[in-house]
Amino acid sequence: MIIIGGGPAGLTAATFAATLKMKAFLIARDLGGQAVDSTKIENYMGFDFITGPELVSRFQNQLLHSHFVDHLMDEVTRIIPEKDAFHVVTRGEDTFLTNAVLVTTGMTRKKLYIPGEEEFQRRGVFYGNIPDFSFVEGEEVAVIGGGNSALQIVENLRTLARRIHLVSTSKLKADPAIIERVKVFPNLTVYEGYRTLQFAGENSLTTVEIEKMSGGKRLCLSVQGVFVAIGHEPNSALVADLVALNEKEEIVIRPDCATSRPGIFAAGDVTDAFGKRIIIASGEGAKAALAAKAYLLKKAGAEAIR
C-alpha cells in the first residue's frame, strides 16, 4: 500500500500499517500538514492542551522511530490504474507499483481572490502561519474569517497587536468556548456580516476595505497586516478523474474509507467525512489502514484461488 500525504491521517495510517505488519510506503511533501499551523489543540485524547507542532513532532517520532515506515519526501503528480493495480508517479519522476493507494492529501487554505490579495502577499497579507505574527507586533491588524482557525489567530495576536479587527461574512461559527474567550478581549472589534472588498497600500498593506452585506455600508480599516482564515479547499485534484467527488470536491468515501474505485482509499480532510478536526483525521487514518489490509488480504486470497 502507498500512502499519499503526511498530515495526521497519513501519519496515523502509516504507523497503524506498521503495527499491522503491512508492506506500506509513505510519500509526502512534508510531515505534519495543516496541523503544524495549529497553535492550540484542545482535548485531543491524552492531552488537555497541545500545540500543533508538538503533536506533529510526536507523530513523526512514532513514524520514524517507534514504528518505522519507508517513506519518500516528494509530491505525487499522477496515479495511473493498471488492471487491479496502480502506478504512482512523483514529481521527481519516480514510479512505484502498488496494489492499494490511500489518499490523505488534506486541504489548502482558501483565498479571497480580491484586488490587492496577490500584490500584498508577504507584504501585509498572510494566511495564518505562526512565524508571520512577528511582522505585526505593536500594529493594528485584521483577521478575516469566523471559524476556529480565525479565532485561534485572534487569540495569538491578542498580546502582540495593538488592535484587532475580526471580519466575518456571518455570525462567528467557531467552537463556543473560543468565541466566549475572544469576545472579552479589550483590543478586539468584531464585524459580523461583512465581506472583504479589497486590500490597498503602496509598498505594503495599509488599508482593508469591508462592506456590510445587508445595507452596503462600507468601512476602511487602517491596518498593517491581515490574516486570512476563511477555510480550506480539499486537495483532491490528484484523483478527480479516478474516484467520485461531491459538490465540494471532497472525495466521497464509504464507512470503511473506500472510494468508488476498488483499491483506492481516502482519509482525513480531503474526504467528505464529517468534522474537520485533527483527532477525526487521525481516527480515519487508522480506520483506512485497517480497511486497506482487509482489502489486500481478500485480493491475495482471490489470486491464490485462481
Protein backbone atom coordinates (compact mmCIF):
# COMPACT_ATOMS: atom_id res chain seq x y z
CA MET A 1 0.00 0.00 0.00
CA ILE A 2 1.18 3.51 -0.81
CA ILE A 3 0.02 6.31 1.49
CA ILE A 4 -0.02 9.76 -0.11
CA GLY A 5 0.17 12.68 2.33
CA GLY A 6 1.95 13.38 5.60
CA GLY A 7 -0.71 15.02 7.77
CA PRO A 8 -2.36 13.44 10.82
CA ALA A 9 -4.40 10.98 8.70
CA GLY A 10 -1.41 9.83 6.66
CA LEU A 11 0.97 9.57 9.60
CA THR A 12 -1.55 7.64 11.70
CA ALA A 13 -2.29 5.31 8.78
CA ALA A 14 1.43 4.68 8.32
CA THR A 15 2.05 3.82 11.98
CA PHE A 16 -1.04 1.58 12.01
CA ALA A 17 0.20 -0.14 8.84
CA ALA A 18 3.49 -0.84 10.63
CA THR A 19 1.72 -2.42 13.62
CA LEU A 20 -0.43 -4.46 11.20
CA LYS A 21 2.77 -5.75 9.53
CA MET A 22 1.70 -4.34 6.18
CA LYS A 23 4.13 -3.54 3.39
CA ALA A 24 3.49 0.21 3.32
CA PHE A 25 5.27 3.16 1.76
CA LEU A 26 4.57 6.82 2.58
CA ILE A 27 5.05 9.63 0.04
CA ALA A 28 4.58 13.21 1.26
CA ARG A 29 5.80 16.73 0.51
CA ASP A 30 6.18 17.33 4.24
CA LEU A 31 5.32 15.73 7.56
CA GLY A 32 2.60 17.45 9.57
CA GLY A 33 0.27 19.03 7.01
CA GLN A 34 -2.03 21.83 8.23
CA ALA A 35 -1.64 20.62 11.83
CA VAL A 36 1.68 22.43 12.17
CA ASP A 37 -0.20 25.77 11.96
CA SER A 38 -2.47 24.94 14.91
CA THR A 39 -1.28 26.89 17.91
CA LYS A 40 -3.78 25.44 20.35
CA ILE A 41 -5.31 21.94 20.13
CA GLU A 42 -7.70 21.34 22.98
CA ASN A 43 -8.90 17.95 24.25
CA TYR A 44 -7.01 15.74 21.79
CA MET A 45 -7.19 12.44 23.68
CA GLY A 46 -4.35 12.21 26.18
CA PHE A 47 -3.77 15.98 26.23
CA ASP A 48 -5.87 18.78 27.70
CA PHE A 49 -3.79 21.13 25.57
CA ILE A 50 -1.03 20.67 22.99
CA THR A 51 0.23 22.78 20.10
CA GLY A 52 0.19 21.59 16.51
CA PRO A 53 3.98 21.44 16.19
CA GLU A 54 4.26 19.45 19.43
CA LEU A 55 1.64 16.93 18.32
CA VAL A 56 3.17 16.58 14.85
CA SER A 57 6.57 16.01 16.48
CA ARG A 58 5.08 13.11 18.44
CA PHE A 59 3.51 11.72 15.24
CA GLN A 60 6.86 11.93 13.45
CA ASN A 61 8.67 10.23 16.32
CA GLN A 62 6.24 7.30 16.14
CA LEU A 63 6.63 7.06 12.36
CA LEU A 64 10.42 7.36 12.25
CA HIS A 65 11.44 5.61 15.47
CA SER A 66 8.73 3.59 17.21
CA HIS A 67 7.05 2.20 14.06
CA PHE A 68 9.40 2.91 11.17
CA VAL A 69 7.78 3.06 7.73
CA ASP A 70 9.68 3.50 4.47
CA HIS A 71 8.96 6.94 3.10
CA LEU A 72 9.89 9.45 0.41
CA MET A 73 9.71 13.23 0.67
CA ASP A 74 8.21 14.13 -2.70
CA GLU A 75 4.91 15.10 -4.30
CA VAL A 76 2.74 12.60 -6.14
CA THR A 77 1.65 14.02 -9.51
CA ARG A 78 -0.16 11.06 -11.10
CA ILE A 79 -1.89 7.80 -10.23
CA ILE A 80 -2.21 5.54 -13.27
CA PRO A 81 -4.50 2.48 -12.97
CA GLU A 82 -3.29 -0.79 -14.49
CA LYS A 83 -5.77 -3.69 -14.23
CA ASP A 84 -6.25 -4.01 -10.45
CA ALA A 85 -3.01 -2.20 -9.51
CA PHE A 86 -1.72 1.38 -9.72
CA HIS A 87 1.41 3.20 -10.86
CA VAL A 88 2.16 6.11 -8.53
CA VAL A 89 4.36 8.79 -10.15
CA THR A 90 6.15 11.56 -8.24
CA ARG A 91 7.33 15.00 -9.27
CA GLY A 92 10.85 13.59 -9.19
CA GLU A 93 9.71 11.08 -11.86
CA ASP A 94 9.97 8.06 -9.56
CA THR A 95 7.31 5.44 -10.34
CA PHE A 96 6.02 2.85 -7.89
CA LEU A 97 3.65 -0.07 -8.48
CA THR A 98 1.16 -0.79 -5.70
CA ASN A 99 -1.96 -2.86 -5.07
CA ALA A 100 -3.66 -0.19 -2.95
CA VAL A 101 -3.49 3.58 -2.56
CA LEU A 102 -4.52 5.62 0.46
CA VAL A 103 -5.05 9.32 -0.32
CA THR A 104 -4.58 11.62 2.71
CA THR A 105 -3.68 14.85 0.93
CA GLY A 106 -5.69 17.13 3.22
CA MET A 107 -6.72 20.67 2.35
CA THR A 108 -5.23 24.00 1.27
CA ARG A 109 -6.15 27.39 2.69
CA LYS A 110 -8.75 29.27 0.65
CA LYS A 111 -8.02 32.68 -0.81
CA LEU A 112 -10.39 35.63 -1.13
CA TYR A 113 -9.48 36.42 -4.77
CA ILE A 114 -9.98 40.15 -4.30
CA PRO A 115 -7.94 43.16 -5.52
CA GLY A 116 -4.63 43.51 -3.70
CA GLU A 117 -4.51 39.99 -2.27
CA GLU A 118 -1.75 38.71 -4.55
CA GLU A 119 0.04 42.07 -4.66
CA PHE A 120 0.46 42.30 -0.89
CA GLN A 121 1.20 38.65 -0.06
CA ARG A 122 4.04 38.61 2.48
CA ARG A 123 3.84 42.41 2.50
CA GLY A 124 0.90 42.56 4.85
CA VAL A 125 -1.35 39.72 3.69
CA PHE A 126 -0.76 36.41 5.49
CA TYR A 127 -2.54 33.08 5.84
CA GLY A 128 -2.16 32.23 9.49
CA ASN A 129 1.35 30.84 9.81
CA ILE A 130 2.83 31.31 13.28
CA PRO A 131 6.13 32.96 12.18
CA ASP A 132 4.15 35.74 10.45
CA PHE A 133 2.86 37.10 13.75
CA SER A 134 6.16 38.89 14.44
CA PHE A 135 5.60 41.17 11.42
CA VAL A 136 2.64 42.88 13.08
CA GLU A 137 3.87 43.27 16.65
CA GLY A 138 2.52 46.52 18.09
CA GLU A 139 0.47 47.23 14.95
CA GLU A 140 -3.23 47.32 14.05
CA VAL A 141 -4.33 44.15 12.22
CA ALA A 142 -7.35 42.45 10.68
CA VAL A 143 -8.33 38.79 10.76
CA ILE A 144 -10.70 37.57 8.05
CA GLY A 145 -12.90 34.59 8.98
CA GLY A 146 -15.23 33.36 11.70
CA GLY A 147 -14.18 29.76 12.36
CA ASN A 148 -11.77 28.10 14.77
CA SER A 149 -8.68 28.95 12.71
CA ALA A 150 -9.55 32.66 12.59
CA LEU A 151 -10.28 32.88 16.29
CA GLN A 152 -7.10 31.00 17.19
CA ILE A 153 -5.20 33.67 15.26
CA VAL A 154 -7.05 36.34 17.25
CA GLU A 155 -6.00 34.63 20.49
CA ASN A 156 -2.36 34.58 19.42
CA LEU A 157 -2.41 38.21 18.30
CA ARG A 158 -4.10 39.47 21.46
CA THR A 159 -0.87 40.35 23.27
CA LEU A 160 1.10 41.21 20.11
CA ALA A 161 -1.18 43.50 18.11
CA ARG A 162 -2.26 46.95 19.27
CA ARG A 163 -5.76 46.46 17.89
CA ILE A 164 -7.50 43.55 16.12
CA HIS A 165 -10.41 43.79 13.65
CA LEU A 166 -12.21 40.46 13.16
CA VAL A 167 -14.22 40.40 9.92
CA SER A 168 -16.68 37.59 9.17
CA THR A 169 -19.34 37.22 6.48
CA SER A 170 -21.63 35.52 9.02
CA LYS A 171 -22.08 35.06 12.74
CA LEU A 172 -18.95 33.60 14.33
CA LYS A 173 -19.08 29.83 13.88
CA ALA A 174 -16.10 28.68 15.93
CA ASP A 175 -16.46 26.46 18.97
CA PRO A 176 -18.50 28.29 21.65
CA ALA A 177 -15.65 28.14 24.19
CA ILE A 178 -13.29 30.00 21.85
CA ILE A 179 -15.93 32.61 20.96
CA GLU A 180 -16.57 33.24 24.65
CA ARG A 181 -12.86 33.77 25.30
CA VAL A 182 -12.13 36.18 22.45
CA LYS A 183 -15.23 38.36 22.72
CA VAL A 184 -13.95 39.85 26.00
CA PHE A 185 -10.58 40.94 24.56
CA PRO A 186 -10.46 44.75 25.05
CA ASN A 187 -8.44 45.33 21.85
CA LEU A 188 -10.83 43.35 19.60
CA THR A 189 -13.59 44.74 17.37
CA VAL A 190 -15.87 42.20 15.65
CA TYR A 191 -17.57 42.88 12.31
CA GLU A 192 -20.15 40.14 11.71
CA GLY A 193 -21.95 40.11 8.37
CA TYR A 194 -19.22 42.00 6.50
CA ARG A 195 -17.46 40.97 3.26
CA THR A 196 -13.90 41.98 2.45
CA LEU A 197 -13.68 44.01 -0.78
CA GLN A 198 -10.03 44.84 -1.31
CA PHE A 199 -6.57 45.37 0.15
CA ALA A 200 -4.72 48.60 -0.60
CA GLY A 201 -1.43 50.34 0.10
CA GLU A 202 1.78 51.40 -1.59
CA ASN A 203 4.88 49.36 -0.76
CA SER A 204 2.99 47.40 1.90
CA LEU A 205 -0.58 46.93 3.08
CA THR A 206 -2.17 49.92 4.83
CA THR A 207 -5.94 49.52 4.26
CA VAL A 208 -8.62 46.83 4.21
CA GLU A 209 -11.97 47.83 2.73
CA ILE A 210 -15.03 45.94 4.01
CA GLU A 211 -18.75 46.19 3.29
CA LYS A 212 -21.85 45.36 5.31
CA MET A 213 -23.64 42.58 3.41
CA SER A 214 -27.05 43.98 4.33
CA GLY A 215 -27.23 47.68 3.60
CA GLY A 216 -23.95 48.13 1.76
CA LYS A 217 -22.24 50.26 4.44
CA ARG A 218 -18.51 50.44 3.64
CA LEU A 219 -15.61 50.85 6.06
CA CYS A 220 -11.89 51.35 5.50
CA LEU A 221 -9.78 49.78 8.24
CA SER A 222 -6.26 51.15 8.69
CA VAL A 223 -4.10 48.09 9.32
CA GLN A 224 -0.52 46.97 8.82
CA GLY A 225 -1.37 43.30 8.43
CA VAL A 226 -4.25 40.97 7.64
CA PHE A 227 -4.57 37.24 8.33
CA VAL A 228 -6.93 35.36 6.01
CA ALA A 229 -8.53 32.27 7.60
CA ILE A 230 -11.71 31.55 5.64
CA GLY A 231 -11.49 27.79 5.40
CA HIS A 232 -9.83 25.26 3.17
CA GLU A 233 -10.22 23.51 -0.18
CA PRO A 234 -9.71 19.73 -0.47
CA ASN A 235 -6.57 18.65 -2.34
CA SER A 236 -8.45 16.11 -4.43
CA ALA A 237 -7.28 17.02 -7.96
CA LEU A 238 -4.87 14.06 -7.97
CA VAL A 239 -7.77 11.58 -8.08
CA ALA A 240 -10.51 13.74 -9.60
CA ASP A 241 -10.65 11.51 -12.70
CA LEU A 242 -10.43 8.26 -10.75
CA VAL A 243 -12.94 8.45 -7.89
CA ALA A 244 -16.26 10.12 -7.10
CA LEU A 245 -16.16 13.64 -5.63
CA ASN A 246 -19.02 15.61 -4.07
CA GLU A 247 -20.05 19.20 -4.86
CA LYS A 248 -17.31 20.50 -2.54
CA GLU A 249 -14.73 18.41 -4.47
CA GLU A 250 -14.21 16.21 -1.41
CA ILE A 251 -13.52 12.53 -2.04
CA VAL A 252 -16.67 10.52 -1.33
CA ILE A 253 -15.90 7.59 0.95
CA ARG A 254 -17.82 4.68 2.43
CA PRO A 255 -17.74 3.96 6.19
CA ASP A 256 -14.56 1.89 5.68
CA CYS A 257 -12.81 4.79 3.86
CA ALA A 258 -13.10 3.00 0.50
CA THR A 259 -13.75 5.20 -2.53
CA SER A 260 -15.78 4.47 -5.63
CA ARG A 261 -12.73 2.76 -7.19
CA PRO A 262 -11.58 -0.58 -5.71
CA GLY A 263 -8.09 -0.30 -4.32
CA ILE A 264 -8.19 3.44 -3.67
CA PHE A 265 -8.94 4.53 -0.11
CA ALA A 266 -9.03 8.06 1.34
CA ALA A 267 -8.94 9.55 4.82
CA GLY A 268 -8.85 12.87 6.60
CA ASP A 269 -9.82 16.37 5.50
CA VAL A 270 -9.70 15.57 1.77
CA THR A 271 -12.80 13.39 2.19
CA ASP A 272 -16.47 14.03 2.89
CA ALA A 273 -16.15 12.58 6.40
CA PHE A 274 -17.98 14.74 8.94
CA GLY A 275 -15.85 17.08 11.06
CA LYS A 276 -12.57 18.70 10.03
CA ARG A 277 -10.58 18.04 13.19
CA ILE A 278 -7.11 16.59 13.77
CA ILE A 279 -8.45 13.90 16.07
CA ILE A 280 -11.03 12.85 13.45
CA ALA A 281 -8.43 12.77 10.68
CA SER A 282 -6.19 10.58 12.83
CA GLY A 283 -9.03 8.15 13.56
CA GLU A 284 -9.96 8.00 9.87
CA GLY A 285 -6.33 7.22 9.02
CA ALA A 286 -6.31 4.29 11.41
CA LYS A 287 -9.62 3.03 10.01
CA ALA A 288 -8.35 3.32 6.44
CA ALA A 289 -5.24 1.27 7.23
CA LEU A 290 -7.40 -1.50 8.71
CA ALA A 291 -9.71 -1.42 5.69
CA ALA A 292 -6.83 -1.47 3.21
CA LYS A 293 -5.32 -4.51 4.92
CA ALA A 294 -8.66 -6.35 4.72
CA TYR A 295 -8.89 -5.43 1.02
CA LEU A 296 -5.36 -6.67 0.29
CA LEU A 297 -5.89 -9.93 2.19
CA LYS A 298 -9.10 -10.58 0.28
CA LYS A 299 -7.36 -9.75 -3.00
CA ALA A 300 -4.45 -12.07 -2.18
CA GLY A 301 -6.88 -14.87 -1.29
CA ALA A 302 -8.74 -14.48 -4.57
CA GLU A 303 -5.49 -14.58 -6.53
CA ALA A 304 -4.36 -17.71 -4.66
CA ILE A 305 -7.63 -19.48 -5.61
CA ARG A 306 -7.10 -18.55 -9.28
